[in-house]
Amino acid sequence: MAAREHYLIVGGSAAGVAAAFALRRSGFEGQVTVVEAGAELPYERPPLSKALGTGEAASLRPIVPAEDYRAAAVGLRLRSRVDRLDPARRTAWLCDGSALRADRILLATGASARRLTIPGSDLPGVMTLRDADDARRLAVAISAGGPVVVIGGGFIGMEVAAAARAAGCAVTVVEAAALPLVGALGRPLAELVTALHREHGVHVRTGASAEAFHGSGTVGEVRLSTGERLPAAAVVVGVGVVPNDTLAAAAGIRCDGGIVVDLQGRTSHPWIRAAGDVTVQPHPHLATAGRIEHWDNALRQGAVAGAAMAGGLRVHDGLPYFWSEQYGLTLQVLGRPRTGDELLLRPGAGPRRFLALWRRGGAVVAAAGLDTVRDLAAARKLIETRTMVSAGKLLDPATDLRLLARS
């Protein structure tokens, strides 16, 4: 591979940084440039919600230290945004009017927090949580006391609720579905997680949505679809994300709820690959192509795409993994259960500790656990090896999953 070649990575996200260093590990000797719109060294995003209320929200943990970029000869251009791509000329145009020619490009532009467009949504005190600035503003609001209203009972919303409650704020979660996290975990586990929050004093309103925010100068109240009015010194909107695929779409790249890629990050144009939260990807653990909006996935998909740009043959098919911290307990999810999978909740489950396994065709295909780290490590092996296990054995409290995984 000619040393004069220039590979450009758009976005200093987990996927973008992973791709840059994978290029070097795979022997690419040309120029590598990461263009990042933010002003700060690319940082880990999971701690943003997990560190709220601890006084550490302003402390950013870099994905890799600054010296690693220099050691690997990876150019990092901060405060730079790519505004336009010209595939015919293989050129990226930056926000300052300058242009970068690139032999190949990887888009790792991530996703943005979905915002509500209801009355009062632009009031100060109505926030989202996606980047470091959001986390700093939210940390200040939490430290000032509540009440805090969280709109959306997804993972981010429930982490924010836990952090705000731990800091002493009165907290209400408003969720349109029957339960928080029901879509991700299923009803039995969602009931347990909701019970955990209620044990800590979180008020949960289900089957309701926000219709308007009211306040004089700053938010002071949330009006719900049920007619209820909730006092609020701060509102956190956690209703999902929108993929940042505008740049790709404008360049004629196929997008369908995100940039459509294959297992090596290839898009519909041979010049451009993509990785991370912005992508719609095929995956053996998904029923259909979709987005996997998790940090671990972004790192691994980015690494595969970077290696593939350098001529590697790996594909991104690793087991999806996600973790969440709530009240000092670790909730982990392995794989992606599908409609029709058999859910088996191991004996002794409760709001502070549980382990669930999903079977499909007699094989373990997914697992979720709260405060069950060692058992989940065994479950991972069962899933990755497609081990056939009877429901009776999995539900038997005498069955040691770690021994089962070794057999």
Protein backbone atom coordinates (compact mmCIF):
# COMPACT_ATOMS: atom_id res chain seq x y z
CA MET A 1 0.00 0.00 0.00
CA ALA A 2 1.54 3.29 -1.10
CA ALA A 3 2.72 5.55 1.69
CA ARG A 4 1.32 8.59 -0.14
CA GLU A 5 -2.27 7.43 0.31
CA HIS A 6 -4.46 9.46 2.67
CA TYR A 7 -7.31 7.91 4.61
CA LEU A 8 -9.73 10.33 6.25
CA ILE A 9 -11.95 9.51 9.22
CA VAL A 10 -14.87 11.87 9.82
CA GLY A 11 -15.77 11.88 13.52
CA GLY A 12 -13.66 11.37 16.63
CA SER A 13 -16.18 8.90 18.02
CA ALA A 14 -15.42 5.48 19.46
CA ALA A 15 -15.83 3.98 15.99
CA GLY A 16 -13.67 6.63 14.35
CA VAL A 17 -10.79 6.35 16.80
CA ALA A 18 -10.94 2.54 16.74
CA ALA A 19 -10.77 2.61 12.94
CA ALA A 20 -7.76 4.93 12.92
CA PHE A 21 -5.69 2.71 15.18
CA ALA A 22 -6.87 -0.46 13.44
CA LEU A 23 -5.48 0.97 10.21
CA ARG A 24 -2.05 1.23 11.83
CA ARG A 25 -2.24 -2.21 13.42
CA SER A 26 -3.16 -3.61 10.01
CA GLY A 27 -0.03 -2.18 8.42
CA PHE A 28 -1.35 0.92 6.65
CA GLU A 29 1.61 3.28 6.26
CA GLY A 30 -0.08 6.20 4.56
CA GLN A 31 -1.51 9.34 6.14
CA VAL A 32 -4.39 8.96 8.59
CA THR A 33 -6.43 11.99 9.64
CA VAL A 34 -9.30 12.11 12.12
CA VAL A 35 -11.50 15.21 11.76
CA GLU A 36 -13.54 16.01 14.86
CA ALA A 37 -15.96 18.93 15.24
CA GLY A 38 -15.51 19.10 19.01
CA ALA A 39 -12.77 20.97 20.82
CA GLU A 40 -11.78 18.17 23.20
CA LEU A 41 -9.67 15.08 22.77
CA PRO A 42 -12.09 12.26 21.74
CA TYR A 43 -13.51 10.89 24.97
CA GLU A 44 -15.52 7.96 26.30
CA ARG A 45 -19.23 8.69 26.41
CA PRO A 46 -20.62 5.97 28.73
CA PRO A 47 -19.27 7.68 31.88
CA LEU A 48 -21.23 10.85 31.07
CA SER A 49 -24.48 9.47 32.47
CA LYS A 50 -22.84 7.16 34.99
CA ALA A 51 -20.79 9.92 36.66
CA LEU A 52 -23.68 12.35 37.16
CA GLY A 53 -24.06 13.37 40.77
CA THR A 54 -20.55 12.13 41.68
CA GLY A 55 -18.71 15.37 40.94
CA GLU A 56 -16.87 13.64 38.07
CA ALA A 57 -19.13 14.63 35.16
CA ALA A 58 -16.63 17.26 34.02
CA SER A 59 -13.74 14.76 34.06
CA LEU A 60 -13.46 13.31 30.58
CA ARG A 61 -11.74 10.01 30.03
CA PRO A 62 -9.99 9.98 26.63
CA ILE A 63 -10.56 7.03 24.34
CA VAL A 64 -6.79 6.95 23.90
CA PRO A 65 -4.23 9.40 25.38
CA ALA A 66 -2.99 12.30 23.26
CA GLU A 67 0.49 10.78 23.04
CA ASP A 68 -0.93 7.66 21.36
CA TYR A 69 -2.03 9.71 18.35
CA ARG A 70 1.48 11.06 17.98
CA ALA A 71 3.09 7.64 18.46
CA ALA A 72 0.86 6.10 15.80
CA ALA A 73 1.18 9.09 13.45
CA VAL A 74 -2.58 9.62 13.47
CA GLY A 75 -3.42 13.23 12.69
CA LEU A 76 -6.19 14.68 14.84
CA ARG A 77 -7.90 17.88 13.67
CA LEU A 78 -10.16 19.24 16.39
CA ARG A 79 -12.71 22.03 15.88
CA SER A 80 -13.06 20.89 12.27
CA ARG A 81 -16.29 19.81 10.66
CA VAL A 82 -16.77 18.20 7.28
CA ASP A 83 -19.65 19.99 5.55
CA ARG A 84 -19.63 18.29 2.17
CA LEU A 85 -18.26 15.23 0.41
CA ASP A 86 -17.45 15.11 -3.29
CA PRO A 87 -17.11 11.42 -4.22
CA ALA A 88 -16.24 12.22 -7.84
CA ARG A 89 -13.21 14.27 -6.75
CA ARG A 90 -12.58 12.22 -3.62
CA THR A 91 -12.59 15.42 -1.61
CA ALA A 92 -14.03 16.48 1.74
CA TRP A 93 -14.87 20.14 2.22
CA LEU A 94 -14.51 21.54 5.73
CA CYS A 95 -16.53 24.20 7.50
CA ASP A 96 -13.73 26.75 7.07
CA GLY A 97 -13.84 26.34 3.29
CA SER A 98 -10.68 24.26 3.04
CA ALA A 99 -10.60 20.88 1.31
CA LEU A 100 -8.99 17.55 2.11
CA ARG A 101 -8.37 15.01 -0.60
CA ALA A 102 -8.67 11.43 0.59
CA ASP A 103 -8.15 8.08 -1.11
CA ARG A 104 -10.71 6.56 1.23
CA ILE A 105 -13.10 7.91 3.83
CA LEU A 106 -14.76 6.40 6.88
CA LEU A 107 -17.79 8.14 8.34
CA ALA A 108 -18.11 7.78 12.09
CA THR A 109 -20.47 10.68 12.67
CA GLY A 110 -22.54 9.01 15.39
CA ALA A 111 -26.01 10.11 16.40
CA SER A 112 -27.64 13.11 18.07
CA ALA A 113 -30.20 13.14 20.85
CA ARG A 114 -33.75 13.25 19.58
CA ARG A 115 -35.47 16.44 20.68
CA LEU A 116 -39.11 17.16 21.40
CA THR A 117 -40.92 19.87 19.46
CA ILE A 118 -43.69 20.48 21.96
CA PRO A 119 -44.45 23.92 23.45
CA GLY A 120 -41.71 25.07 25.81
CA SER A 121 -39.09 22.60 24.56
CA ASP A 122 -36.64 25.48 24.09
CA LEU A 123 -36.92 26.67 27.70
CA PRO A 124 -33.69 26.75 29.72
CA GLY A 125 -33.58 23.72 31.97
CA VAL A 126 -34.93 21.35 29.30
CA MET A 127 -31.91 19.20 28.44
CA THR A 128 -30.69 16.14 26.62
CA LEU A 129 -27.64 14.02 27.44
CA ARG A 130 -25.33 13.12 24.57
CA ASP A 131 -22.00 14.91 25.02
CA ALA A 132 -19.72 16.42 27.67
CA ASP A 133 -21.38 19.85 27.59
CA ASP A 134 -24.77 18.22 28.18
CA ALA A 135 -23.33 16.26 31.12
CA ARG A 136 -21.83 19.37 32.72
CA ARG A 137 -25.09 21.29 32.46
CA LEU A 138 -27.04 18.38 33.87
CA ALA A 139 -24.57 17.87 36.72
CA VAL A 140 -25.04 21.51 37.73
CA ALA A 141 -28.83 21.11 37.64
CA ILE A 142 -28.71 17.95 39.75
CA SER A 143 -26.39 19.54 42.29
CA ALA A 144 -28.88 22.41 42.64
CA GLY A 145 -31.57 19.98 43.77
CA GLY A 146 -34.79 18.91 42.13
CA PRO A 147 -37.33 18.18 41.23
CA VAL A 148 -36.04 16.43 38.09
CA VAL A 149 -38.39 15.04 35.45
CA VAL A 150 -37.04 12.49 33.00
CA ILE A 151 -38.96 12.08 29.76
CA GLY A 152 -38.30 8.58 28.41
CA GLY A 153 -37.56 5.42 30.35
CA GLY A 154 -34.74 4.04 28.21
CA PHE A 155 -31.28 3.21 29.52
CA ILE A 156 -30.06 6.82 29.48
CA GLY A 157 -33.23 8.04 31.16
CA MET A 158 -33.04 5.45 33.91
CA GLU A 159 -29.34 6.11 34.52
CA VAL A 160 -30.10 9.82 34.85
CA ALA A 161 -32.97 9.03 37.22
CA ALA A 162 -30.70 6.88 39.39
CA ALA A 163 -27.96 9.51 39.48
CA ALA A 164 -30.37 12.34 40.30
CA ARG A 165 -32.06 10.30 43.00
CA ALA A 166 -28.71 9.32 44.52
CA ALA A 167 -27.89 13.03 44.68
CA GLY A 168 -31.06 13.64 46.71
CA CYS A 169 -33.32 15.03 44.00
CA ALA A 170 -37.00 14.24 43.74
CA VAL A 171 -37.30 12.36 40.43
CA THR A 172 -40.19 11.40 38.17
CA VAL A 173 -39.77 9.26 35.05
CA VAL A 174 -42.40 9.66 32.34
CA GLU A 175 -42.62 6.72 29.93
CA ALA A 176 -45.12 6.31 27.08
CA ALA A 177 -44.90 2.50 27.13
CA ALA A 178 -46.28 0.18 29.78
CA LEU A 179 -42.94 0.13 31.64
CA PRO A 180 -39.48 1.65 31.36
CA LEU A 181 -37.08 -0.57 29.37
CA VAL A 182 -39.84 -2.95 28.35
CA GLY A 183 -38.82 -2.83 24.71
CA ALA A 184 -35.21 -3.74 25.48
CA LEU A 185 -35.68 -6.23 28.32
CA GLY A 186 -39.22 -7.56 28.11
CA ARG A 187 -41.90 -7.16 30.75
CA PRO A 188 -40.57 -9.45 33.54
CA LEU A 189 -37.17 -7.75 33.67
CA ALA A 190 -38.62 -4.29 33.11
CA GLU A 191 -40.84 -4.85 36.14
CA LEU A 192 -37.81 -5.71 38.27
CA VAL A 193 -35.79 -2.68 37.15
CA THR A 194 -38.80 -0.41 37.68
CA ALA A 195 -39.24 -1.87 41.17
CA LEU A 196 -35.57 -1.09 41.90
CA HIS A 197 -36.13 2.56 41.00
CA ARG A 198 -39.33 2.77 43.00
CA GLU A 199 -37.52 1.29 46.01
CA HIS A 200 -35.12 4.26 45.73
CA GLY A 201 -37.98 6.74 45.65
CA VAL A 202 -38.31 7.40 41.91
CA HIS A 203 -41.87 8.14 40.79
CA VAL A 204 -42.73 6.39 37.52
CA ARG A 205 -45.57 7.54 35.27
CA THR A 206 -46.30 5.06 32.47
CA GLY A 207 -48.64 5.31 29.50
CA ALA A 208 -48.01 9.05 29.45
CA SER A 209 -46.00 11.55 27.44
CA ALA A 210 -45.04 15.18 27.79
CA GLU A 211 -47.37 17.63 26.04
CA ALA A 212 -45.79 20.92 27.07
CA PHE A 213 -43.16 22.52 29.30
CA HIS A 214 -44.07 25.65 31.22
CA GLY A 215 -41.98 28.20 33.04
CA SER A 216 -41.02 31.82 33.41
CA GLY A 217 -37.42 32.25 32.29
CA THR A 218 -36.68 28.57 32.95
CA VAL A 219 -38.67 25.38 33.02
CA GLY A 220 -40.86 24.96 36.08
CA GLU A 221 -43.52 22.46 35.11
CA VAL A 222 -44.26 19.57 32.76
CA ARG A 223 -47.78 18.99 31.49
CA LEU A 224 -48.49 15.36 30.65
CA SER A 225 -50.88 13.82 28.13
CA THR A 226 -52.89 12.56 31.12
CA GLY A 227 -53.47 16.15 32.24
CA GLU A 228 -51.16 15.78 35.24
CA ARG A 229 -48.75 18.64 35.90
CA LEU A 230 -45.34 17.85 37.38
CA PRO A 231 -43.12 20.47 39.04
CA ALA A 232 -39.66 20.50 37.47
CA ALA A 233 -36.49 22.46 38.13
CA ALA A 234 -34.81 20.39 35.39
CA VAL A 235 -36.12 18.19 32.59
CA VAL A 236 -34.06 15.55 30.83
CA VAL A 237 -35.39 14.35 27.48
CA GLY A 238 -34.24 10.82 26.71
CA VAL A 239 -36.41 9.67 23.82
CA GLY A 240 -33.79 8.11 21.58
CA VAL A 241 -31.32 9.36 19.01
CA VAL A 242 -31.21 10.39 15.36
CA PRO A 243 -28.33 9.11 13.19
CA ASN A 244 -26.08 11.84 11.80
CA ASP A 245 -26.37 10.64 8.21
CA THR A 246 -27.06 13.97 6.48
CA LEU A 247 -23.50 14.22 5.13
CA ALA A 248 -23.71 10.75 3.63
CA ALA A 249 -27.18 11.26 2.17
CA ALA A 250 -26.11 14.51 0.51
CA ALA A 251 -23.23 12.63 -1.12
CA GLY A 252 -25.64 10.10 -2.60
CA ILE A 253 -24.81 7.30 -0.16
CA ARG A 254 -27.66 4.90 0.57
CA CYS A 255 -29.31 5.70 3.88
CA ASP A 256 -32.34 4.07 5.49
CA GLY A 257 -32.63 5.22 9.08
CA GLY A 258 -28.83 5.51 9.08
CA ILE A 259 -26.00 4.76 6.66
CA VAL A 260 -26.49 1.28 5.22
CA VAL A 261 -23.31 -0.82 5.47
CA ASP A 262 -22.21 -4.43 5.16
CA LEU A 263 -20.26 -6.53 7.68
CA GLN A 264 -17.02 -4.70 6.77
CA GLY A 265 -18.48 -1.20 6.89
CA ARG A 266 -18.80 -0.79 3.10
CA THR A 267 -21.45 1.69 1.95
CA SER A 268 -23.09 2.01 -1.47
CA HIS A 269 -20.04 3.95 -2.73
CA PRO A 270 -16.61 2.27 -2.87
CA TRP A 271 -14.87 5.43 -1.66
CA ILE A 272 -16.77 5.56 1.62
CA ARG A 273 -17.11 3.22 4.60
CA ALA A 274 -18.99 3.91 7.83
CA ALA A 275 -19.11 2.57 11.37
CA GLY A 276 -20.73 3.22 14.73
CA ASP A 277 -24.12 4.55 15.83
CA VAL A 278 -24.78 6.15 12.44
CA THR A 279 -24.89 2.82 10.63
CA VAL A 280 -27.62 0.36 9.76
CA GLN A 281 -25.84 -2.97 9.71
CA PRO A 282 -26.61 -6.60 9.05
CA HIS A 283 -25.70 -8.72 12.04
CA PRO A 284 -26.21 -12.40 12.90
CA HIS A 285 -27.77 -11.42 16.24
CA LEU A 286 -30.35 -9.11 14.62
CA ALA A 287 -33.52 -10.38 12.95
CA THR A 288 -33.13 -7.67 10.29
CA ALA A 289 -30.49 -5.04 9.57
CA GLY A 290 -30.58 -2.25 12.13
CA ARG A 291 -28.63 0.09 14.37
CA ILE A 292 -26.76 -1.16 17.43
CA GLU A 293 -26.28 2.01 19.46
CA HIS A 294 -23.79 0.82 22.04
CA TRP A 295 -20.22 1.81 22.87
CA ASP A 296 -18.82 -1.70 22.65
CA ASN A 297 -20.35 -2.19 19.22
CA ALA A 298 -18.92 1.11 17.96
CA LEU A 299 -15.41 0.17 19.07
CA ARG A 300 -15.54 -3.27 17.47
CA GLN A 301 -17.30 -2.22 14.28
CA GLY A 302 -14.87 0.68 13.86
CA ALA A 303 -11.89 -1.63 14.33
CA VAL A 304 -13.23 -4.06 11.72
CA ALA A 305 -13.93 -1.23 9.23
CA GLY A 306 -10.44 0.22 9.75
CA ALA A 307 -8.79 -3.15 9.26
CA ALA A 308 -10.91 -3.74 6.16
CA MET A 309 -9.80 -0.40 4.70
CA ALA A 310 -6.24 -1.69 5.01
CA GLY A 311 -7.13 -4.91 3.21
CA GLY A 312 -8.21 -7.09 6.13
CA LEU A 313 -10.87 -9.76 5.79
CA ARG A 314 -12.52 -9.62 9.21
CA VAL A 315 -16.26 -9.03 9.52
CA HIS A 316 -18.22 -7.42 12.31
CA ASP A 317 -20.30 -10.21 13.80
CA GLY A 318 -19.36 -10.23 17.50
CA LEU A 319 -21.94 -10.65 20.24
CA PRO A 320 -23.68 -7.32 21.00
CA TYR A 321 -22.97 -6.19 24.55
CA PHE A 322 -24.27 -3.35 26.67
CA TRP A 323 -23.95 -2.36 30.31
CA SER A 324 -25.57 0.18 32.60
CA GLU A 325 -24.84 1.39 36.13
CA GLN A 326 -27.82 2.09 38.37
CA TYR A 327 -27.57 2.56 42.16
CA GLY A 328 -24.14 0.97 42.19
CA LEU A 329 -25.43 -2.18 40.46
CA THR A 330 -24.28 -3.31 37.02
CA LEU A 331 -26.93 -4.28 34.49
CA GLN A 332 -25.51 -6.16 31.49
CA VAL A 333 -27.17 -7.35 28.30
CA LEU A 334 -25.63 -9.89 25.90
CA GLY A 335 -27.09 -10.52 22.46
CA ARG A 336 -30.44 -9.36 21.13
CA PRO A 337 -33.57 -11.33 22.06
CA ARG A 338 -36.23 -11.50 19.36
CA THR A 339 -39.99 -11.79 19.39
CA GLY A 340 -40.83 -15.42 20.02
CA ASP A 341 -37.67 -16.23 21.98
CA GLU A 342 -38.28 -18.12 25.22
CA LEU A 343 -37.41 -16.03 28.29
CA LEU A 344 -36.16 -17.97 31.31
CA LEU A 345 -35.74 -16.08 34.56
CA ARG A 346 -33.40 -17.90 36.92
CA PRO A 347 -34.69 -18.63 40.46
CA GLY A 348 -34.13 -15.99 43.13
CA ALA A 349 -34.70 -13.03 40.84
CA GLY A 350 -35.49 -9.72 42.50
CA PRO A 351 -35.12 -5.98 41.91
CA ARG A 352 -31.47 -5.99 43.07
CA ARG A 353 -30.27 -9.18 41.44
CA PHE A 354 -31.48 -11.29 38.54
CA LEU A 355 -30.30 -13.38 35.63
CA ALA A 356 -32.38 -14.02 32.53
CA LEU A 357 -31.62 -16.20 29.54
CA TRP A 358 -33.38 -16.36 26.18
CA ARG A 359 -33.57 -19.58 24.14
CA ARG A 360 -34.28 -20.01 20.44
CA GLY A 361 -34.53 -23.46 18.94
CA GLY A 362 -33.14 -24.95 22.15
CA ALA A 363 -29.99 -22.79 22.14
CA VAL A 364 -29.17 -19.88 24.46
CA VAL A 365 -29.11 -16.75 22.28
CA ALA A 366 -29.18 -13.82 24.74
CA ALA A 367 -28.84 -13.01 28.42
CA ALA A 368 -29.35 -10.13 30.81
CA GLY A 369 -28.34 -9.82 34.41
CA LEU A 370 -28.20 -7.40 37.29
CA ASP A 371 -25.30 -7.89 39.72
CA THR A 372 -24.49 -11.29 38.16
CA VAL A 373 -21.16 -10.63 36.46
CA ARG A 374 -19.67 -14.12 36.80
CA ASP A 375 -22.81 -15.93 35.66
CA LEU A 376 -23.04 -13.62 32.64
CA ALA A 377 -19.49 -14.53 31.69
CA ALA A 378 -20.65 -18.15 31.57
CA ALA A 379 -23.77 -17.15 29.64
CA ARG A 380 -21.58 -15.45 27.05
CA LYS A 381 -19.83 -18.75 26.35
CA LEU A 382 -23.16 -20.54 26.03
CA ILE A 383 -24.37 -17.95 23.54
CA GLU A 384 -21.19 -17.82 21.48
CA THR A 385 -21.05 -21.62 21.21
CA ARG A 386 -24.81 -21.90 20.50
CA THR A 387 -25.00 -24.47 23.28
CA MET A 388 -28.21 -26.48 23.38
CA VAL A 389 -29.59 -26.49 26.94
CA SER A 390 -32.99 -27.55 28.17
CA ALA A 391 -35.25 -25.03 29.88
CA GLY A 392 -35.43 -27.30 32.91
CA LYS A 393 -31.68 -27.30 33.36
CA LEU A 394 -31.43 -23.53 33.01
CA LEU A 395 -34.22 -23.01 35.54
CA ASP A 396 -32.80 -25.50 38.02
CA PRO A 397 -31.17 -23.51 40.87
CA ALA A 398 -28.65 -26.34 41.26
CA THR A 399 -27.32 -25.82 37.74
CA ASP A 400 -23.97 -24.01 37.76
CA LEU A 401 -23.80 -22.08 34.49
CA ARG A 402 -20.02 -21.84 34.73
CA LEU A 403 -19.71 -25.64 34.77
CA LEU A 404 -22.27 -25.89 31.98
CA ALA A 405 -20.24 -23.52 29.82
CA ARG A 406 -17.13 -25.67 30.28
CA SER A 407 -18.82 -28.90 29.26
